[in-house]
């Protein structure tokens, strides 16, 4: 397998990873670059690969720094299937259509073109297929499985297996279980780990301490 990073490497936004195994190619995420603007100028640039050559796209979660360039990908020739969990599919449609509105205002202000329209989002949703956690998807020689990442509703880690090797993309990881979300699952057996590390330089506050703070705010 060959892995290429086209975003979210040495930066936070624009998540996009290309995996190649022989003639088969899949993408993990296709997000907006968002610094300093909601839709940074780099989000308008041509993709550094041919969208037509990609067989499938797997989405970790609905946030636009992981989904925001998908309509552009389809507009520029991607004709494969898009896969995610069912909640991610539902949330992504809402967020992408909202993004069109935000980008239109930004484009008018800055005299730029809008990268895509609501009609482009509708085309995206027509080829988007929801899956359950632990349900496998086969694309060529790739086998792909989603695991709960505990970040937001429907967020997933993506385990990819091909040629006897396994690589795990965590997407954005959540904290241990809380009243609203399960914690992230433990996934064994990967030889390569692509790990988000946005807050990797600090320790998170204890969950019980967070609960106490929330109680104090409510009581006020």
C-alpha atoms as a PDB file:
ATOM      1  CA  UNK A   1       0.000   0.000   0.000  1.00  0.00           C
ATOM      2  CA  UNK A   2       1.045   3.569  -0.687  1.00  0.00           C
ATOM      3  CA  UNK A   3      -0.254   6.347   1.592  1.00  0.00           C
ATOM      4  CA  UNK A   4      -0.225  10.034   0.605  1.00  0.00           C
ATOM      5  CA  UNK A   5      -1.207  12.970   2.835  1.00  0.00           C
ATOM      6  CA  UNK A   6      -3.031  15.831   1.101  1.00  0.00           C
ATOM      7  CA  UNK A   7      -4.220  17.746   4.179  1.00  0.00           C
ATOM      8  CA  UNK A   8      -4.293  17.628   7.997  1.00  0.00           C
ATOM      9  CA  UNK A   9      -0.547  16.940   8.063  1.00  0.00           C
ATOM     10  CA  UNK A  10       1.428  19.531  10.029  1.00  0.00           C
ATOM     11  CA  UNK A  11      -1.874  21.431  10.207  1.00  0.00           C
ATOM     12  CA  UNK A  12      -5.367  20.822  11.565  1.00  0.00           C
ATOM     13  CA  UNK A  13      -7.764  21.253   8.621  1.00  0.00           C
ATOM     14  CA  UNK A  14      -8.178  19.875   5.097  1.00  0.00           C
ATOM     15  CA  UNK A  15      -8.174  16.206   6.089  1.00  0.00           C
ATOM     16  CA  UNK A  16      -7.561  14.088   2.967  1.00  0.00           C
ATOM     17  CA  UNK A  17      -5.572  10.862   2.655  1.00  0.00           C
ATOM     18  CA  UNK A  18      -5.086   8.759  -0.472  1.00  0.00           C
ATOM     19  CA  UNK A  19      -4.425   5.014  -0.235  1.00  0.00           C
ATOM     20  CA  UNK A  20      -3.217   3.112  -3.295  1.00  0.00           C
ATOM     21  CA  UNK A  21      -2.910  -0.641  -3.667  1.00  0.00           C
ATOM     22  CA  UNK A  22      -2.033  -1.608  -7.216  1.00  0.00           C
ATOM     23  CA  UNK A  23      -4.739  -0.149  -9.461  1.00  0.00           C
ATOM     24  CA  UNK A  24      -7.134   0.437  -6.540  1.00  0.00           C
ATOM     25  CA  UNK A  25      -7.339   3.885  -4.926  1.00  0.00           C
ATOM     26  CA  UNK A  26      -9.478   5.062  -2.018  1.00  0.00           C
ATOM     27  CA  UNK A  27      -9.708   8.333  -0.115  1.00  0.00           C
ATOM     28  CA  UNK A  28     -10.157   8.846   3.604  1.00  0.00           C
ATOM     29  CA  UNK A  29     -11.934  12.198   4.142  1.00  0.00           C
ATOM     30  CA  UNK A  30     -11.977  15.229   1.865  1.00  0.00           C
ATOM     31  CA  UNK A  31     -12.238  18.312   4.058  1.00  0.00           C
ATOM     32  CA  UNK A  32     -12.048  22.074   3.687  1.00  0.00           C
ATOM     33  CA  UNK A  33      -8.891  23.978   4.467  1.00  0.00           C
ATOM     34  CA  UNK A  34     -10.140  26.493   7.028  1.00  0.00           C
ATOM     35  CA  UNK A  35      -7.357  28.798   8.086  1.00  0.00           C
ATOM     36  CA  UNK A  36      -7.742  31.706   8.272  1.00  0.00           C
ATOM     37  CA  UNK A  37     -11.181  31.694   6.577  1.00  0.00           C
ATOM     38  CA  UNK A  38     -14.107  29.250   6.712  1.00  0.00           C
ATOM     39  CA  UNK A  39     -13.156  28.260   3.143  1.00  0.00           C
ATOM     40  CA  UNK A  40      -9.465  29.035   2.727  1.00  0.00           C
ATOM     41  CA  UNK A  41      -8.183  29.833  -0.768  1.00  0.00           C
ATOM     42  CA  UNK A  42      -6.439  26.433  -0.908  1.00  0.00           C
ATOM     43  CA  UNK A  43      -9.846  24.761  -0.933  1.00  0.00           C
ATOM     44  CA  UNK A  44     -10.271  26.146  -4.471  1.00  0.00           C
ATOM     45  CA  UNK A  45      -7.040  24.570  -5.756  1.00  0.00           C
ATOM     46  CA  UNK A  46      -7.108  21.527  -8.071  1.00  0.00           C
ATOM     47  CA  UNK A  47      -6.707  18.211  -6.288  1.00  0.00           C
ATOM     48  CA  UNK A  48      -3.126  16.842  -6.381  1.00  0.00           C
ATOM     49  CA  UNK A  49      -4.543  13.578  -7.757  1.00  0.00           C
ATOM     50  CA  UNK A  50      -7.086  12.707 -10.444  1.00  0.00           C
ATOM     51  CA  UNK A  51     -10.560  12.466  -8.818  1.00  0.00           C
ATOM     52  CA  UNK A  52     -11.638  10.159 -11.662  1.00  0.00           C
ATOM     53  CA  UNK A  53      -9.037   7.582 -10.590  1.00  0.00           C
ATOM     54  CA  UNK A  54     -10.441   7.157  -7.060  1.00  0.00           C
ATOM     55  CA  UNK A  55     -12.817   4.220  -6.555  1.00  0.00           C
ATOM     56  CA  UNK A  56     -14.360   5.171  -3.196  1.00  0.00           C
ATOM     57  CA  UNK A  57     -14.314   7.743  -0.408  1.00  0.00           C
ATOM     58  CA  UNK A  58     -14.607   6.854   3.290  1.00  0.00           C
ATOM     59  CA  UNK A  59     -15.624   9.622   5.708  1.00  0.00           C
ATOM     60  CA  UNK A  60     -14.692   9.625   9.397  1.00  0.00           C
ATOM     61  CA  UNK A  61     -17.266  12.208  10.540  1.00  0.00           C
ATOM     62  CA  UNK A  62     -19.397  15.139   9.417  1.00  0.00           C
ATOM     63  CA  UNK A  63     -17.324  18.174  10.399  1.00  0.00           C
ATOM     64  CA  UNK A  64     -16.501  20.227   7.311  1.00  0.00           C
ATOM     65  CA  UNK A  65     -12.728  20.048   7.775  1.00  0.00           C
ATOM     66  CA  UNK A  66     -13.298  16.356   6.933  1.00  0.00           C
ATOM     67  CA  UNK A  67     -16.181  16.658   4.414  1.00  0.00           C
ATOM     68  CA  UNK A  68     -16.176  20.174   2.966  1.00  0.00           C
ATOM     69  CA  UNK A  69     -14.462  19.438  -0.368  1.00  0.00           C
ATOM     70  CA  UNK A  70     -16.499  16.327  -1.210  1.00  0.00           C
ATOM     71  CA  UNK A  71     -18.890  18.223  -3.542  1.00  0.00           C
ATOM     72  CA  UNK A  72     -15.846  19.688  -5.317  1.00  0.00           C
ATOM     73  CA  UNK A  73     -14.400  16.176  -5.645  1.00  0.00           C
ATOM     74  CA  UNK A  74     -17.605  14.922  -7.299  1.00  0.00           C
ATOM     75  CA  UNK A  75     -17.873  18.053  -9.446  1.00  0.00           C
ATOM     76  CA  UNK A  76     -14.349  17.399 -10.758  1.00  0.00           C
ATOM     77  CA  UNK A  77     -14.915  13.817 -11.812  1.00  0.00           C
ATOM     78  CA  UNK A  78     -15.121  11.445  -8.845  1.00  0.00           C
ATOM     79  CA  UNK A  79     -17.806   8.879  -9.707  1.00  0.00           C
ATOM     80  CA  UNK A  80     -17.354   6.244  -7.012  1.00  0.00           C
ATOM     81  CA  UNK A  81     -19.309   5.528  -3.842  1.00  0.00           C
ATOM     82  CA  UNK A  82     -19.027   7.517  -0.611  1.00  0.00           C
ATOM     83  CA  UNK A  83     -19.245   5.572   2.657  1.00  0.00           C
ATOM     84  CA  UNK A  84     -19.702   6.596   6.284  1.00  0.00           C
ATOM     85  CA  UNK A  85     -21.848   5.675   9.250  1.00  0.00           C
ATOM     86  CA  UNK A  86     -25.551   6.492   8.873  1.00  0.00           C
ATOM     87  CA  UNK A  87     -25.508   9.416  11.364  1.00  0.00           C
ATOM     88  CA  UNK A  88     -22.504  10.932   9.582  1.00  0.00           C
ATOM     89  CA  UNK A  89     -24.341  10.768   6.265  1.00  0.00           C
ATOM     90  CA  UNK A  90     -27.373  12.564   7.731  1.00  0.00           C
ATOM     91  CA  UNK A  91     -25.312  15.218   9.508  1.00  0.00           C
ATOM     92  CA  UNK A  92     -23.046  15.815   6.522  1.00  0.00           C
ATOM     93  CA  UNK A  93     -25.964  16.735   4.261  1.00  0.00           C
ATOM     94  CA  UNK A  94     -27.059  19.410   6.732  1.00  0.00           C
ATOM     95  CA  UNK A  95     -23.541  20.733   7.259  1.00  0.00           C
ATOM     96  CA  UNK A  96     -22.599  20.792   3.579  1.00  0.00           C
ATOM     97  CA  UNK A  97     -25.736  22.718   2.619  1.00  0.00           C
ATOM     98  CA  UNK A  98     -25.106  25.153   5.452  1.00  0.00           C
ATOM     99  CA  UNK A  99     -21.518  25.495   4.210  1.00  0.00           C
ATOM    100  CA  UNK A 100     -22.795  26.564   0.783  1.00  0.00           C
ATOM    101  CA  UNK A 101     -24.573  29.481   2.447  1.00  0.00           C
ATOM    102  CA  UNK A 102     -21.532  30.468   4.519  1.00  0.00           C
ATOM    103  CA  UNK A 103     -19.170  30.202   1.541  1.00  0.00           C
ATOM    104  CA  UNK A 104     -21.497  32.258  -0.668  1.00  0.00           C
ATOM    105  CA  UNK A 105     -21.364  35.151   1.801  1.00  0.00           C
ATOM    106  CA  UNK A 106     -17.602  34.801   2.149  1.00  0.00           C
ATOM    107  CA  UNK A 107     -17.129  34.654  -1.632  1.00  0.00           C
ATOM    108  CA  UNK A 108     -19.251  37.764  -2.181  1.00  0.00           C
ATOM    109  CA  UNK A 109     -17.263  39.654   0.441  1.00  0.00           C
ATOM    110  CA  UNK A 110     -13.876  38.611  -0.979  1.00  0.00           C
ATOM    111  CA  UNK A 111     -14.833  38.633  -4.688  1.00  0.00           C
ATOM    112  CA  UNK A 112     -14.183  34.896  -5.075  1.00  0.00           C
ATOM    113  CA  UNK A 113     -16.051  32.019  -6.682  1.00  0.00           C
ATOM    114  CA  UNK A 114     -18.138  29.599  -4.625  1.00  0.00           C
ATOM    115  CA  UNK A 115     -16.539  26.129  -4.993  1.00  0.00           C
ATOM    116  CA  UNK A 116     -19.909  24.353  -5.232  1.00  0.00           C
ATOM    117  CA  UNK A 117     -23.684  24.745  -4.931  1.00  0.00           C
ATOM    118  CA  UNK A 118     -26.570  22.972  -3.193  1.00  0.00           C
ATOM    119  CA  UNK A 119     -27.155  21.041  -6.423  1.00  0.00           C
ATOM    120  CA  UNK A 120     -23.605  19.695  -6.141  1.00  0.00           C
ATOM    121  CA  UNK A 121     -24.363  18.612  -2.570  1.00  0.00           C
ATOM    122  CA  UNK A 122     -27.466  16.777  -3.818  1.00  0.00           C
ATOM    123  CA  UNK A 123     -25.281  14.897  -6.324  1.00  0.00           C
ATOM    124  CA  UNK A 124     -22.971  13.923  -3.467  1.00  0.00           C
ATOM    125  CA  UNK A 125     -25.810  12.557  -1.362  1.00  0.00           C
ATOM    126  CA  UNK A 126     -27.079  10.451  -4.276  1.00  0.00           C
ATOM    127  CA  UNK A 127     -23.884   8.356  -4.174  1.00  0.00           C
ATOM    128  CA  UNK A 128     -23.442   8.372  -0.380  1.00  0.00           C
ATOM    129  CA  UNK A 129     -24.149   5.098   1.419  1.00  0.00           C
ATOM    130  CA  UNK A 130     -24.521   4.726   5.179  1.00  0.00           C
ATOM    131  CA  UNK A 131     -23.032   1.765   7.029  1.00  0.00           C
ATOM    132  CA  UNK A 132     -23.125   0.414  10.571  1.00  0.00           C
ATOM    133  CA  UNK A 133     -20.141   0.154  12.862  1.00  0.00           C
ATOM    134  CA  UNK A 134     -18.228  -3.133  12.284  1.00  0.00           C
ATOM    135  CA  UNK A 135     -19.867  -3.633   8.871  1.00  0.00           C
ATOM    136  CA  UNK A 136     -17.210  -4.275   6.229  1.00  0.00           C
ATOM    137  CA  UNK A 137     -17.026  -2.675   2.778  1.00  0.00           C
ATOM    138  CA  UNK A 138     -14.968  -4.201  -0.031  1.00  0.00           C
ATOM    139  CA  UNK A 139     -13.503  -1.997  -2.756  1.00  0.00           C
ATOM    140  CA  UNK A 140     -11.186  -3.896  -5.074  1.00  0.00           C
ATOM    141  CA  UNK A 141      -8.618  -5.517  -2.799  1.00  0.00           C
ATOM    142  CA  UNK A 142      -9.415  -3.126   0.057  1.00  0.00           C
ATOM    143  CA  UNK A 143     -11.513  -4.219   3.039  1.00  0.00           C
ATOM    144  CA  UNK A 144     -12.730  -1.303   5.170  1.00  0.00           C
ATOM    145  CA  UNK A 145     -14.476  -1.325   8.574  1.00  0.00           C
ATOM    146  CA  UNK A 146     -15.789   1.552  10.731  1.00  0.00           C
ATOM    147  CA  UNK A 147     -15.257   1.668  14.527  1.00  0.00           C
ATOM    148  CA  UNK A 148     -16.684   4.183  17.006  1.00  0.00           C
ATOM    149  CA  UNK A 149     -14.327   7.145  17.511  1.00  0.00           C
ATOM    150  CA  UNK A 150     -16.395   8.790  20.278  1.00  0.00           C
ATOM    151  CA  UNK A 151     -15.865  12.297  18.832  1.00  0.00           C
ATOM    152  CA  UNK A 152     -19.386  13.282  17.704  1.00  0.00           C
ATOM    153  CA  UNK A 153     -22.528  11.361  16.761  1.00  0.00           C
ATOM    154  CA  UNK A 154     -21.560   8.840  14.076  1.00  0.00           C
ATOM    155  CA  UNK A 155     -17.833   9.560  14.165  1.00  0.00           C
ATOM    156  CA  UNK A 156     -15.680   6.629  13.135  1.00  0.00           C
ATOM    157  CA  UNK A 157     -12.184   5.296  12.942  1.00  0.00           C
ATOM    158  CA  UNK A 158     -11.482   3.628   9.610  1.00  0.00           C
ATOM    159  CA  UNK A 159      -9.587   0.333   9.525  1.00  0.00           C
ATOM    160  CA  UNK A 160      -8.277  -0.525   6.061  1.00  0.00           C
ATOM    161  CA  UNK A 161      -6.872  -3.938   5.145  1.00  0.00           C
ATOM    162  CA  UNK A 162      -5.127  -4.843   1.881  1.00  0.00           C
ATOM    163  CA  UNK A 163      -2.246  -7.087   0.821  1.00  0.00           C
ATOM    164  CA  UNK A 164      -2.112  -8.620   4.289  1.00  0.00           C
ATOM    165  CA  UNK A 165      -1.520  -5.242   5.992  1.00  0.00           C
ATOM    166  CA  UNK A 166      -3.796  -3.120   8.186  1.00  0.00           C
ATOM    167  CA  UNK A 167      -3.782   0.652   8.603  1.00  0.00           C
ATOM    168  CA  UNK A 168      -6.030   2.529  11.051  1.00  0.00           C
ATOM    169  CA  UNK A 169      -7.173   6.120  10.510  1.00  0.00           C
ATOM    170  CA  UNK A 170      -8.544   7.461  13.789  1.00  0.00           C
ATOM    171  CA  UNK A 171     -10.198  10.591  12.416  1.00  0.00           C
ATOM    172  CA  UNK A 172     -10.895  12.917  15.342  1.00  0.00           C
ATOM    173  CA  UNK A 173     -10.982  11.008  18.626  1.00  0.00           C
ATOM    174  CA  UNK A 174     -13.294  11.690  21.547  1.00  0.00           C
ATOM    175  CA  UNK A 175     -12.694  11.337  25.252  1.00  0.00           C
ATOM    176  CA  UNK A 176     -13.735   8.379  27.409  1.00  0.00           C
ATOM    177  CA  UNK A 177     -17.481   7.687  27.526  1.00  0.00           C
ATOM    178  CA  UNK A 178     -19.761  10.499  28.725  1.00  0.00           C
ATOM    179  CA  UNK A 179     -23.556  10.807  29.109  1.00  0.00           C
ATOM    180  CA  UNK A 180     -23.974  11.756  25.424  1.00  0.00           C
ATOM    181  CA  UNK A 181     -21.401   9.624  23.580  1.00  0.00           C
ATOM    182  CA  UNK A 182     -19.665   6.311  23.873  1.00  0.00           C
ATOM    183  CA  UNK A 183     -15.917   6.390  24.294  1.00  0.00           C
ATOM    184  CA  UNK A 184     -13.709   5.425  21.369  1.00  0.00           C
ATOM    185  CA  UNK A 185     -13.320   1.717  20.719  1.00  0.00           C
ATOM    186  CA  UNK A 186     -10.064  -0.154  21.095  1.00  0.00           C
ATOM    187  CA  UNK A 187      -8.960  -1.521  17.725  1.00  0.00           C
ATOM    188  CA  UNK A 188      -6.195  -4.105  17.612  1.00  0.00           C
ATOM    189  CA  UNK A 189      -4.016  -5.443  14.824  1.00  0.00           C
ATOM    190  CA  UNK A 190      -3.048  -2.359  12.812  1.00  0.00           C
ATOM    191  CA  UNK A 191       0.546  -2.168  11.594  1.00  0.00           C
ATOM    192  CA  UNK A 192       0.214   1.551  10.759  1.00  0.00           C
ATOM    193  CA  UNK A 193      -1.673   4.183  12.773  1.00  0.00           C
ATOM    194  CA  UNK A 194      -2.681   7.582  11.362  1.00  0.00           C
ATOM    195  CA  UNK A 195      -3.598   9.432  14.543  1.00  0.00           C
ATOM    196  CA  UNK A 196      -5.104  12.866  15.082  1.00  0.00           C
ATOM    197  CA  UNK A 197      -3.129  14.841  17.666  1.00  0.00           C
ATOM    198  CA  UNK A 198      -4.754  18.282  17.800  1.00  0.00           C
ATOM    199  CA  UNK A 199      -4.660  18.282  21.607  1.00  0.00           C
ATOM    200  CA  UNK A 200      -1.793  15.854  21.981  1.00  0.00           C
ATOM    201  CA  UNK A 201       0.308  18.347  23.919  1.00  0.00           C
ATOM    202  CA  UNK A 202      -1.964  18.546  26.969  1.00  0.00           C
ATOM    203  CA  UNK A 203      -3.934  16.464  29.455  1.00  0.00           C
ATOM    204  CA  UNK A 204      -7.702  16.690  29.399  1.00  0.00           C
ATOM    205  CA  UNK A 205      -9.590  17.626  32.509  1.00  0.00           C
ATOM    206  CA  UNK A 206     -10.996  14.738  34.542  1.00  0.00           C
ATOM    207  CA  UNK A 207     -14.576  13.828  33.602  1.00  0.00           C
ATOM    208  CA  UNK A 208     -15.784  13.996  37.204  1.00  0.00           C
ATOM    209  CA  UNK A 209     -14.326  17.488  37.576  1.00  0.00           C
ATOM    210  CA  UNK A 210     -16.185  18.540  34.415  1.00  0.00           C
ATOM    211  CA  UNK A 211     -19.430  17.217  35.902  1.00  0.00           C
ATOM    212  CA  UNK A 212     -18.891  19.211  39.096  1.00  0.00           C
ATOM    213  CA  UNK A 213     -18.227  22.387  37.112  1.00  0.00           C
ATOM    214  CA  UNK A 214     -21.406  21.853  35.088  1.00  0.00           C
ATOM    215  CA  UNK A 215     -23.418  21.291  38.269  1.00  0.00           C
ATOM    216  CA  UNK A 216     -22.076  24.531  39.759  1.00  0.00           C
ATOM    217  CA  UNK A 217     -22.992  26.489  36.614  1.00  0.00           C
ATOM    218  CA  UNK A 218     -26.520  25.013  36.599  1.00  0.00           C
ATOM    219  CA  UNK A 219     -26.984  25.845  40.278  1.00  0.00           C
ATOM    220  CA  UNK A 220     -26.038  29.464  39.638  1.00  0.00           C
END
